Every structure is written in C-alpha cells, then in structure tokens.
Amino acid sequence: APVVLLLHGFPQTSRCWTAELAALADAGYRAVAVDQRGYSPGARHDDPAAYAMPHLVDDVLGLVDALGGGPVHLVGHDFGGSVAWTVAGHHPDRVRTLTVASTPHPLAFVRAYQAGGTGDSSDQNRRSGYMRAFRETPRGELEAQLLADGGAGLRLVFAGLPEAAVDAHVRDLSEPGALVAAIDWYRVMSAKASAAVPPCAVPTLYVWGDGDPAIGRDAAVATADHVTGPYRFEVLEGVGHWIPELAPDRFTSLLLEHLGR
C-alpha cells in the first residue's frame, strides 16, 4: 500500500496522529507515525547539537529507506511540519506529496518573523516569543518549571485539547530528559538553514487554523510564494494550533482528498 509518513511536533509524540492513522488505514494506505529524535527514549541524546535540522532530515530519509525507499506521502505538524518542508524542499525525489498542518514554509516564517526590521516587532515576532525563551533560558531550568506541580505549566500549552489527551502528552514529556530534548530542537534551530530551504516542487496541501496563537496569517499566506508544485491552502476557521486533534475529521478529509489526487 502507498506509505504515508507522519511527523509530530512540539511538545507531542506520535499519539497526536491517532485519528489520522485509523482513517488512512481504512482508506488503504500504510500509515506510519513515529516518535522523533529526543521524543523516543531510544534516540534521546544529551547533546543539543544532535537535534539540528540536518540530523532530523537524515532521520526522515532513513525512515523512508526503511519503509521501502519511497517516495512517500509526507505529513507534518508544528516542528514536524518544518522538518517535512525541509525534506520536501531538499529531497523532492523522496516525497510523493506533502501535507503540513499549522507550520508555514520555513522561509515564509523567517521573513514574517523579521518583517519588523529594526523598528517595531512583527506580528509573527511577537507570537514567537516562546521560542526566544526556549533559546535564552539555561538548559533544564524552563523544563523543570513546566513540569512542576504535575506539569501545570506544560498543560497550559495544550489549550483546547481534551483532558485525556493532555494527560497523555504530559506523561510522555515527563519521561527523564524528554522535555529537555524537545526544547533542544529550538535551541539549535537556524534561521540561516530555514532561509535556505528551496521552494517545494511536489504537490502540497497546507492547512492553517485562523485561531492559531503561534502562527500568524502573514506567514501562512506567504507560504504560497514558496511552492512551485500544485498547491492548495486551506484555512480552518476557529481552529487553533493542534489541528490533527482539534479538527481530525476536517483535516483527514482534506488529507485523503489531497492524496487521492
């Protein structure tokens, strides 16, 4: 069956794709969701450099090889979406189609983030204040704060999700070293590397929720400028950041239609 590889984002694991996995399997696809580097206990390095984008991309290419060599239908959300954009941009021969929830093309994000120049901060710059906190706070300090009192701080991140889903995500990220590794992705992220991601040449579906507090409209709309292949942009009104879980039926319907084309 055609392979669909799904990449989760921060701070989640493969469990965020539960609804999509079932729907894809029912539709005849081989759906594969993995716990990425740092989130999986078997791939949790103590060196932040191990989470730089080239390593994350190599992981995906290795998974594609293990799944038969591809090309695969690649799906990503949040930071997993950034990885998916990067894989598709640099290795279009390994990707049959691309679907991304929430996250704009990396170059569209960088330009929206920097739009304020030396004057006032841009809308995206303000929305991304949490990224600066991740990068500037001593390693381990912010993680301890988020996990204190049963993960009270981390729970605030998952606004809108059912309590059972929040409990599961907090439990996953409370494993020794898991949240440190997850935030290490941000500590080593590179604007230069993001700006170097080529335009996407494969058929692409980008789904954004207009209630997303982390990703603004400017970067979402500008993503169209960085796709040269067939492109579809869908806005889910009233939906926040956690699209695969907040709107699984709507997202899966769009995904299946995209794959079917």
C-alpha atoms as a PDB file:
ATOM      1  CA  ALA A   1       0.000   0.000   0.000  1.00  0.00           C
ATOM      2  CA  PRO A   2       1.181   3.609  -0.508  1.00  0.00           C
ATOM      3  CA  VAL A   3       3.111   4.803   2.540  1.00  0.00           C
ATOM      4  CA  VAL A   4       2.061   7.898   4.494  1.00  0.00           C
ATOM      5  CA  LEU A   5       4.710   9.024   6.987  1.00  0.00           C
ATOM      6  CA  LEU A   6       3.502  11.395   9.727  1.00  0.00           C
ATOM      7  CA  LEU A   7       5.796  13.644  11.780  1.00  0.00           C
ATOM      8  CA  HIS A   8       4.599  15.121  15.077  1.00  0.00           C
ATOM      9  CA  GLY A   9       5.616  18.474  16.520  1.00  0.00           C
ATOM     10  CA  PHE A  10       6.337  20.068  19.891  1.00  0.00           C
ATOM     11  CA  PRO A  11       5.551  19.031  22.568  1.00  0.00           C
ATOM     12  CA  GLN A  12       3.811  15.876  21.392  1.00  0.00           C
ATOM     13  CA  THR A  13       4.532  12.349  20.190  1.00  0.00           C
ATOM     14  CA  SER A  14       3.142  10.086  17.508  1.00  0.00           C
ATOM     15  CA  ARG A  15      -0.052   9.715  19.552  1.00  0.00           C
ATOM     16  CA  CYS A  16      -1.272  13.058  18.135  1.00  0.00           C
ATOM     17  CA  TRP A  17      -1.998  11.211  14.858  1.00  0.00           C
ATOM     18  CA  THR A  18      -4.314   8.555  16.333  1.00  0.00           C
ATOM     19  CA  ALA A  19      -7.393   9.649  14.359  1.00  0.00           C
ATOM     20  CA  GLU A  20      -5.469  10.133  11.121  1.00  0.00           C
ATOM     21  CA  LEU A  21      -3.764   6.738  11.364  1.00  0.00           C
ATOM     22  CA  ALA A  22      -7.092   4.948  11.586  1.00  0.00           C
ATOM     23  CA  ALA A  23      -8.643   6.911   8.722  1.00  0.00           C
ATOM     24  CA  LEU A  24      -5.625   6.432   6.453  1.00  0.00           C
ATOM     25  CA  ALA A  25      -5.533   2.696   7.132  1.00  0.00           C
ATOM     26  CA  ASP A  26      -9.256   2.394   6.407  1.00  0.00           C
ATOM     27  CA  ALA A  27      -8.631   4.181   3.101  1.00  0.00           C
ATOM     28  CA  GLY A  28      -5.990   1.645   2.067  1.00  0.00           C
ATOM     29  CA  TYR A  29      -2.784   3.450   2.981  1.00  0.00           C
ATOM     30  CA  ARG A  30       0.097   2.182   5.082  1.00  0.00           C
ATOM     31  CA  ALA A  31       0.159   4.902   7.733  1.00  0.00           C
ATOM     32  CA  VAL A  32       3.289   5.238   9.856  1.00  0.00           C
ATOM     33  CA  ALA A  33       3.742   7.680  12.757  1.00  0.00           C
ATOM     34  CA  VAL A  34       6.997   7.760  14.711  1.00  0.00           C
ATOM     35  CA  ASP A  35       8.314   9.341  17.888  1.00  0.00           C
ATOM     36  CA  GLN A  36      11.063  11.556  16.565  1.00  0.00           C
ATOM     37  CA  ARG A  37      14.591  12.075  17.862  1.00  0.00           C
ATOM     38  CA  GLY A  38      14.567  13.117  21.510  1.00  0.00           C
ATOM     39  CA  TYR A  39      10.941  12.136  21.987  1.00  0.00           C
ATOM     40  CA  SER A  40      11.776   8.461  21.665  1.00  0.00           C
ATOM     41  CA  PRO A  41      13.661   7.045  24.680  1.00  0.00           C
ATOM     42  CA  GLY A  42      15.807   5.049  22.247  1.00  0.00           C
ATOM     43  CA  ALA A  43      17.008   8.177  20.431  1.00  0.00           C
ATOM     44  CA  ARG A  44      17.434  10.710  23.215  1.00  0.00           C
ATOM     45  CA  HIS A  45      20.821  12.414  23.026  1.00  0.00           C
ATOM     46  CA  ASP A  46      22.219  14.663  25.743  1.00  0.00           C
ATOM     47  CA  ASP A  47      23.970  16.952  23.234  1.00  0.00           C
ATOM     48  CA  PRO A  48      21.750  19.753  21.855  1.00  0.00           C
ATOM     49  CA  ALA A  49      23.703  19.657  18.577  1.00  0.00           C
ATOM     50  CA  ALA A  50      22.191  16.240  17.934  1.00  0.00           C
ATOM     51  CA  TYR A  51      18.848  17.947  17.242  1.00  0.00           C
ATOM     52  CA  ALA A  52      19.981  20.250  14.442  1.00  0.00           C
ATOM     53  CA  MET A  53      17.824  20.157  11.320  1.00  0.00           C
ATOM     54  CA  PRO A  54      20.272  18.129   9.171  1.00  0.00           C
ATOM     55  CA  HIS A  55      20.009  15.264  11.673  1.00  0.00           C
ATOM     56  CA  LEU A  56      16.199  15.485  11.750  1.00  0.00           C
ATOM     57  CA  VAL A  57      16.128  15.361   7.945  1.00  0.00           C
ATOM     58  CA  ASP A  58      18.516  12.398   7.878  1.00  0.00           C
ATOM     59  CA  ASP A  59      16.208  10.588  10.294  1.00  0.00           C
ATOM     60  CA  VAL A  60      13.288  11.019   7.906  1.00  0.00           C
ATOM     61  CA  LEU A  61      15.336   9.842   4.929  1.00  0.00           C
ATOM     62  CA  GLY A  62      16.384   6.805   6.952  1.00  0.00           C
ATOM     63  CA  LEU A  63      12.750   6.073   7.752  1.00  0.00           C
ATOM     64  CA  VAL A  64      11.839   6.390   4.072  1.00  0.00           C
ATOM     65  CA  ASP A  65      14.580   3.884   3.245  1.00  0.00           C
ATOM     66  CA  ALA A  66      13.316   1.518   5.941  1.00  0.00           C
ATOM     67  CA  LEU A  67       9.803   1.786   4.520  1.00  0.00           C
ATOM     68  CA  GLY A  68      10.886   0.742   1.044  1.00  0.00           C
ATOM     69  CA  GLY A  69      12.761   3.727  -0.317  1.00  0.00           C
ATOM     70  CA  GLY A  70       9.835   5.948  -1.220  1.00  0.00           C
ATOM     71  CA  PRO A  71       8.698   8.237  -2.454  1.00  0.00           C
ATOM     72  CA  VAL A  72       6.251   8.581   0.430  1.00  0.00           C
ATOM     73  CA  HIS A  73       3.340  10.841   1.209  1.00  0.00           C
ATOM     74  CA  LEU A  74       4.840  13.062   3.921  1.00  0.00           C
ATOM     75  CA  VAL A  75       2.693  14.737   6.591  1.00  0.00           C
ATOM     76  CA  GLY A  76       3.893  17.050   9.359  1.00  0.00           C
ATOM     77  CA  HIS A  77       2.549  19.258  12.126  1.00  0.00           C
ATOM     78  CA  ASP A  78       4.251  22.056  14.074  1.00  0.00           C
ATOM     79  CA  PHE A  79       8.039  21.415  14.166  1.00  0.00           C
ATOM     80  CA  GLY A  80       7.355  18.163  12.345  1.00  0.00           C
ATOM     81  CA  GLY A  81       5.919  20.367   9.616  1.00  0.00           C
ATOM     82  CA  SER A  82       9.170  22.340   9.451  1.00  0.00           C
ATOM     83  CA  VAL A  83      11.079  19.084   9.067  1.00  0.00           C
ATOM     84  CA  ALA A  84       8.651  17.955   6.365  1.00  0.00           C
ATOM     85  CA  TRP A  85       9.039  21.226   4.412  1.00  0.00           C
ATOM     86  CA  THR A  86      12.814  20.850   4.605  1.00  0.00           C
ATOM     87  CA  VAL A  87      12.796  17.243   3.441  1.00  0.00           C
ATOM     88  CA  ALA A  88      10.479  18.033   0.535  1.00  0.00           C
ATOM     89  CA  GLY A  89      12.499  21.091  -0.448  1.00  0.00           C
ATOM     90  CA  HIS A  90      15.891  19.420  -0.465  1.00  0.00           C
ATOM     91  CA  HIS A  91      14.828  15.887  -1.434  1.00  0.00           C
ATOM     92  CA  PRO A  92      11.735  16.118  -3.668  1.00  0.00           C
ATOM     93  CA  ASP A  93      12.529  12.731  -5.198  1.00  0.00           C
ATOM     94  CA  ARG A  94      11.737  11.091  -1.845  1.00  0.00           C
ATOM     95  CA  VAL A  95       8.345  12.767  -1.400  1.00  0.00           C
ATOM     96  CA  ARG A  96       5.237  11.926  -3.433  1.00  0.00           C
ATOM     97  CA  THR A  97       3.049  14.579  -1.795  1.00  0.00           C
ATOM     98  CA  LEU A  98       3.462  16.959   1.136  1.00  0.00           C
ATOM     99  CA  THR A  99       0.807  17.872   3.694  1.00  0.00           C
ATOM    100  CA  VAL A 100       1.536  20.290   6.536  1.00  0.00           C
ATOM    101  CA  ALA A 101      -0.715  21.382   9.382  1.00  0.00           C
ATOM    102  CA  SER A 102      -0.114  24.756  11.062  1.00  0.00           C
ATOM    103  CA  THR A 103       3.528  25.372  10.083  1.00  0.00           C
ATOM    104  CA  PRO A 104       4.334  27.672   7.146  1.00  0.00           C
ATOM    105  CA  HIS A 105       7.237  27.202   4.757  1.00  0.00           C
ATOM    106  CA  PRO A 106      10.442  27.937   6.735  1.00  0.00           C
ATOM    107  CA  LEU A 107      11.443  30.892   4.566  1.00  0.00           C
ATOM    108  CA  ALA A 108       7.938  32.380   4.796  1.00  0.00           C
ATOM    109  CA  PHE A 109       8.216  32.096   8.576  1.00  0.00           C
ATOM    110  CA  VAL A 110      11.647  33.756   8.706  1.00  0.00           C
ATOM    111  CA  ARG A 111      10.507  36.671   6.558  1.00  0.00           C
ATOM    112  CA  ALA A 112       7.344  37.175   8.611  1.00  0.00           C
ATOM    113  CA  TYR A 113       9.377  36.973  11.829  1.00  0.00           C
ATOM    114  CA  GLN A 114      11.868  39.575  10.594  1.00  0.00           C
ATOM    115  CA  ALA A 115       9.300  41.850   8.958  1.00  0.00           C
ATOM    116  CA  GLY A 116       9.565  44.431  11.735  1.00  0.00           C
ATOM    117  CA  GLY A 117      13.216  45.102  10.877  1.00  0.00           C
ATOM    118  CA  THR A 118      14.939  47.360  13.384  1.00  0.00           C
ATOM    119  CA  GLY A 119      11.663  49.043  14.291  1.00  0.00           C
ATOM    120  CA  ASP A 120       8.575  47.518  15.835  1.00  0.00           C
ATOM    121  CA  SER A 121       8.383  43.760  16.114  1.00  0.00           C
ATOM    122  CA  SER A 122       6.263  41.974  13.552  1.00  0.00           C
ATOM    123  CA  ASP A 123       3.140  40.056  14.470  1.00  0.00           C
ATOM    124  CA  GLN A 124       4.996  36.767  13.958  1.00  0.00           C
ATOM    125  CA  ASN A 125       7.918  38.008  16.035  1.00  0.00           C
ATOM    126  CA  ARG A 126       5.566  38.664  18.949  1.00  0.00           C
ATOM    127  CA  ARG A 127       3.848  35.312  18.551  1.00  0.00           C
ATOM    128  CA  SER A 128       7.223  33.545  18.621  1.00  0.00           C
ATOM    129  CA  GLY A 129       8.372  34.953  21.956  1.00  0.00           C
ATOM    130  CA  TYR A 130       8.255  31.458  23.436  1.00  0.00           C
ATOM    131  CA  MET A 131      10.990  30.386  21.006  1.00  0.00           C
ATOM    132  CA  ARG A 132      13.299  33.084  22.314  1.00  0.00           C
ATOM    133  CA  ALA A 133      12.573  31.971  25.875  1.00  0.00           C
ATOM    134  CA  PHE A 134      13.474  28.394  24.913  1.00  0.00           C
ATOM    135  CA  ARG A 135      16.786  29.533  23.448  1.00  0.00           C
ATOM    136  CA  GLU A 136      17.777  32.014  26.155  1.00  0.00           C
ATOM    137  CA  THR A 137      16.835  30.151  29.347  1.00  0.00           C
ATOM    138  CA  PRO A 138      19.549  27.850  30.793  1.00  0.00           C
ATOM    139  CA  ARG A 139      19.081  24.260  29.662  1.00  0.00           C
ATOM    140  CA  GLY A 140      16.900  22.345  32.097  1.00  0.00           C
ATOM    141  CA  GLU A 141      15.609  25.367  34.013  1.00  0.00           C
ATOM    142  CA  LEU A 142      12.497  26.113  31.957  1.00  0.00           C
ATOM    143  CA  GLU A 143      11.814  22.409  31.580  1.00  0.00           C
ATOM    144  CA  ALA A 144      11.701  21.978  35.368  1.00  0.00           C
ATOM    145  CA  GLN A 145       9.312  24.908  35.671  1.00  0.00           C
ATOM    146  CA  LEU A 146       6.960  23.484  33.033  1.00  0.00           C
ATOM    147  CA  LEU A 147       6.905  20.042  34.666  1.00  0.00           C
ATOM    148  CA  ALA A 148       6.452  21.269  38.255  1.00  0.00           C
ATOM    149  CA  ASP A 149       3.157  20.574  40.040  1.00  0.00           C
ATOM    150  CA  GLY A 150       2.205  17.699  37.778  1.00  0.00           C
ATOM    151  CA  GLY A 151       3.138  19.548  34.616  1.00  0.00           C
ATOM    152  CA  ALA A 152       0.876  22.521  35.337  1.00  0.00           C
ATOM    153  CA  GLY A 153       2.870  24.854  33.100  1.00  0.00           C
ATOM    154  CA  LEU A 154       3.096  22.372  30.247  1.00  0.00           C
ATOM    155  CA  ARG A 155      -0.633  21.726  30.416  1.00  0.00           C
ATOM    156  CA  LEU A 156      -1.310  25.359  29.536  1.00  0.00           C
ATOM    157  CA  VAL A 157       0.355  24.781  26.167  1.00  0.00           C
ATOM    158  CA  PHE A 158      -2.351  22.341  25.083  1.00  0.00           C
ATOM    159  CA  ALA A 159      -5.250  24.780  25.165  1.00  0.00           C
ATOM    160  CA  GLY A 160      -8.425  23.274  23.762  1.00  0.00           C
ATOM    161  CA  LEU A 161      -7.411  19.602  23.838  1.00  0.00           C
ATOM    162  CA  PRO A 162      -9.407  17.027  25.826  1.00  0.00           C
ATOM    163  CA  GLU A 163      -8.104  16.360  29.315  1.00  0.00           C
ATOM    164  CA  ALA A 164      -7.227  12.745  28.499  1.00  0.00           C
ATOM    165  CA  ALA A 165      -5.074  13.855  25.550  1.00  0.00           C
ATOM    166  CA  VAL A 166      -3.327  16.473  27.683  1.00  0.00           C
ATOM    167  CA  ASP A 167      -2.634  13.877  30.385  1.00  0.00           C
ATOM    168  CA  ALA A 168      -1.053  11.577  27.818  1.00  0.00           C
ATOM    169  CA  HIS A 169       1.139  14.294  26.311  1.00  0.00           C
ATOM    170  CA  VAL A 170       2.315  15.462  29.731  1.00  0.00           C
ATOM    171  CA  ARG A 171       3.078  11.892  30.734  1.00  0.00           C
ATOM    172  CA  ASP A 172       5.158  11.382  27.585  1.00  0.00           C
ATOM    173  CA  LEU A 173       7.142  14.592  28.083  1.00  0.00           C
ATOM    174  CA  SER A 174       7.685  13.876  31.786  1.00  0.00           C
ATOM    175  CA  GLU A 175       9.996  10.965  30.985  1.00  0.00           C
ATOM    176  CA  PRO A 176      13.592  11.680  32.047  1.00  0.00           C
ATOM    177  CA  GLY A 177      15.211  14.046  29.559  1.00  0.00           C
ATOM    178  CA  ALA A 178      12.268  14.124  27.146  1.00  0.00           C
ATOM    179  CA  LEU A 179      11.271  17.771  27.529  1.00  0.00           C
ATOM    180  CA  VAL A 180      14.905  18.923  27.569  1.00  0.00           C
ATOM    181  CA  ALA A 181      15.471  17.123  24.272  1.00  0.00           C
ATOM    182  CA  ALA A 182      12.255  18.541  22.814  1.00  0.00           C
ATOM    183  CA  ILE A 183      13.297  22.104  23.626  1.00  0.00           C
ATOM    184  CA  ASP A 184      16.810  21.377  22.325  1.00  0.00           C
ATOM    185  CA  TRP A 185      15.219  21.356  18.856  1.00  0.00           C
ATOM    186  CA  TYR A 186      14.613  25.082  19.357  1.00  0.00           C
ATOM    187  CA  ARG A 187      17.983  25.764  20.940  1.00  0.00           C
ATOM    188  CA  VAL A 188      19.802  24.693  17.787  1.00  0.00           C
ATOM    189  CA  MET A 189      17.330  25.825  15.139  1.00  0.00           C
ATOM    190  CA  SER A 190      18.898  28.063  12.499  1.00  0.00           C
ATOM    191  CA  ALA A 191      17.310  30.967  10.646  1.00  0.00           C
ATOM    192  CA  LYS A 192      20.033  30.576   8.013  1.00  0.00           C
ATOM    193  CA  ALA A 193      19.087  26.937   7.441  1.00  0.00           C
ATOM    194  CA  SER A 194      15.384  27.835   7.303  1.00  0.00           C
ATOM    195  CA  ALA A 195      16.046  30.558   4.743  1.00  0.00           C
ATOM    196  CA  ALA A 196      17.952  28.051   2.613  1.00  0.00           C
ATOM    197  CA  VAL A 197      15.024  25.630   2.215  1.00  0.00           C
ATOM    198  CA  PRO A 198      14.180  25.534  -1.520  1.00  0.00           C
ATOM    199  CA  PRO A 199      10.673  26.113  -2.855  1.00  0.00           C
ATOM    200  CA  CYS A 200       8.570  22.970  -2.655  1.00  0.00           C
ATOM    201  CA  ALA A 201       8.102  21.316  -6.048  1.00  0.00           C
ATOM    202  CA  VAL A 202       5.848  18.423  -5.008  1.00  0.00           C
ATOM    203  CA  PRO A 203       2.038  18.580  -4.733  1.00  0.00           C
ATOM    204  CA  THR A 204       1.403  20.358  -1.444  1.00  0.00           C
ATOM    205  CA  LEU A 205      -1.517  20.843   0.934  1.00  0.00           C
ATOM    206  CA  TYR A 206      -1.088  23.407   3.703  1.00  0.00           C
ATOM    207  CA  VAL A 207      -3.771  23.630   6.407  1.00  0.00           C
ATOM    208  CA  TRP A 208      -3.764  26.522   8.881  1.00  0.00           C
ATOM    209  CA  GLY A 209      -6.200  27.405  11.665  1.00  0.00           C
ATOM    210  CA  ASP A 210      -7.021  31.094  11.995  1.00  0.00           C
ATOM    211  CA  GLY A 211      -7.200  30.634  15.776  1.00  0.00           C
ATOM    212  CA  ASP A 212      -3.543  29.588  15.961  1.00  0.00           C
ATOM    213  CA  PRO A 213      -1.751  31.691  18.606  1.00  0.00           C
ATOM    214  CA  ALA A 214       1.715  30.620  17.417  1.00  0.00           C
ATOM    215  CA  ILE A 215       1.458  31.104  13.637  1.00  0.00           C
ATOM    216  CA  GLY A 216       0.073  34.317  12.181  1.00  0.00           C
ATOM    217  CA  ARG A 217      -1.724  34.902   8.907  1.00  0.00           C
ATOM    218  CA  ASP A 218       1.204  36.692   7.235  1.00  0.00           C
ATOM    219  CA  ALA A 219       3.485  33.645   7.229  1.00  0.00           C
ATOM    220  CA  ALA A 220       0.605  31.323   6.385  1.00  0.00           C
ATOM    221  CA  VAL A 221      -0.486  33.314   3.339  1.00  0.00           C
ATOM    222  CA  ALA A 222       3.101  33.933   2.174  1.00  0.00           C
ATOM    223  CA  THR A 223       3.757  30.196   2.020  1.00  0.00           C
ATOM    224  CA  ALA A 224       2.200  30.182  -1.455  1.00  0.00           C
ATOM    225  CA  ASP A 225       5.254  32.101  -2.681  1.00  0.00           C
ATOM    226  CA  HIS A 226       7.458  29.147  -1.783  1.00  0.00           C
ATOM    227  CA  VAL A 227       5.636  26.316  -3.534  1.00  0.00           C
ATOM    228  CA  THR A 228       6.214  25.694  -7.234  1.00  0.00           C
ATOM    229  CA  GLY A 229       4.248  22.457  -7.476  1.00  0.00           C
ATOM    230  CA  PRO A 230       0.454  22.093  -7.330  1.00  0.00           C
ATOM    231  CA  TYR A 231      -0.653  23.900  -4.183  1.00  0.00           C
ATOM    232  CA  ARG A 232      -3.742  24.044  -2.003  1.00  0.00           C
ATOM    233  CA  PHE A 233      -4.102  26.300   1.037  1.00  0.00           C
ATOM    234  CA  GLU A 234      -6.981  25.660   3.413  1.00  0.00           C
ATOM    235  CA  VAL A 235      -7.943  27.849   6.369  1.00  0.00           C
ATOM    236  CA  LEU A 236      -9.875  26.215   9.207  1.00  0.00           C
ATOM    237  CA  GLU A 237     -11.895  28.977  10.810  1.00  0.00           C
ATOM    238  CA  GLY A 238     -11.982  28.993  14.577  1.00  0.00           C
ATOM    239  CA  VAL A 239      -9.411  26.199  14.890  1.00  0.00           C
ATOM    240  CA  GLY A 240      -6.248  26.621  16.956  1.00  0.00           C
ATOM    241  CA  HIS A 241      -2.782  25.171  16.658  1.00  0.00           C
ATOM    242  CA  TRP A 242      -3.439  21.486  17.367  1.00  0.00           C
ATOM    243  CA  ILE A 243      -5.198  20.773  14.066  1.00  0.00           C
ATOM    244  CA  PRO A 244      -4.745  16.957  13.918  1.00  0.00           C
ATOM    245  CA  GLU A 245      -6.508  16.648  17.275  1.00  0.00           C
ATOM    246  CA  LEU A 246      -8.810  19.668  17.317  1.00  0.00           C
ATOM    247  CA  ALA A 247     -10.231  19.068  13.833  1.00  0.00           C
ATOM    248  CA  PRO A 248      -9.392  15.448  12.927  1.00  0.00           C
ATOM    249  CA  ASP A 249     -12.402  14.916  10.663  1.00  0.00           C
ATOM    250  CA  ARG A 250     -11.875  18.096   8.640  1.00  0.00           C
ATOM    251  CA  PHE A 251      -8.132  17.621   8.407  1.00  0.00           C
ATOM    252  CA  THR A 252      -8.362  13.946   7.457  1.00  0.00           C
ATOM    253  CA  SER A 253     -10.939  14.700   4.775  1.00  0.00           C
ATOM    254  CA  LEU A 254      -8.608  17.276   3.217  1.00  0.00           C
ATOM    255  CA  LEU A 255      -5.642  14.915   3.535  1.00  0.00           C
ATOM    256  CA  LEU A 256      -7.404  11.995   1.850  1.00  0.00           C
ATOM    257  CA  GLU A 257      -8.616  14.209  -0.963  1.00  0.00           C
ATOM    258  CA  HIS A 258      -5.077  15.508  -1.471  1.00  0.00           C
ATOM    259  CA  LEU A 259      -3.568  12.016  -1.515  1.00  0.00           C
ATOM    260  CA  GLY A 260      -6.258  10.801  -3.892  1.00  0.00           C
ATOM    261  CA  ARG A 261      -5.336  13.431  -6.459  1.00  0.00           C
END
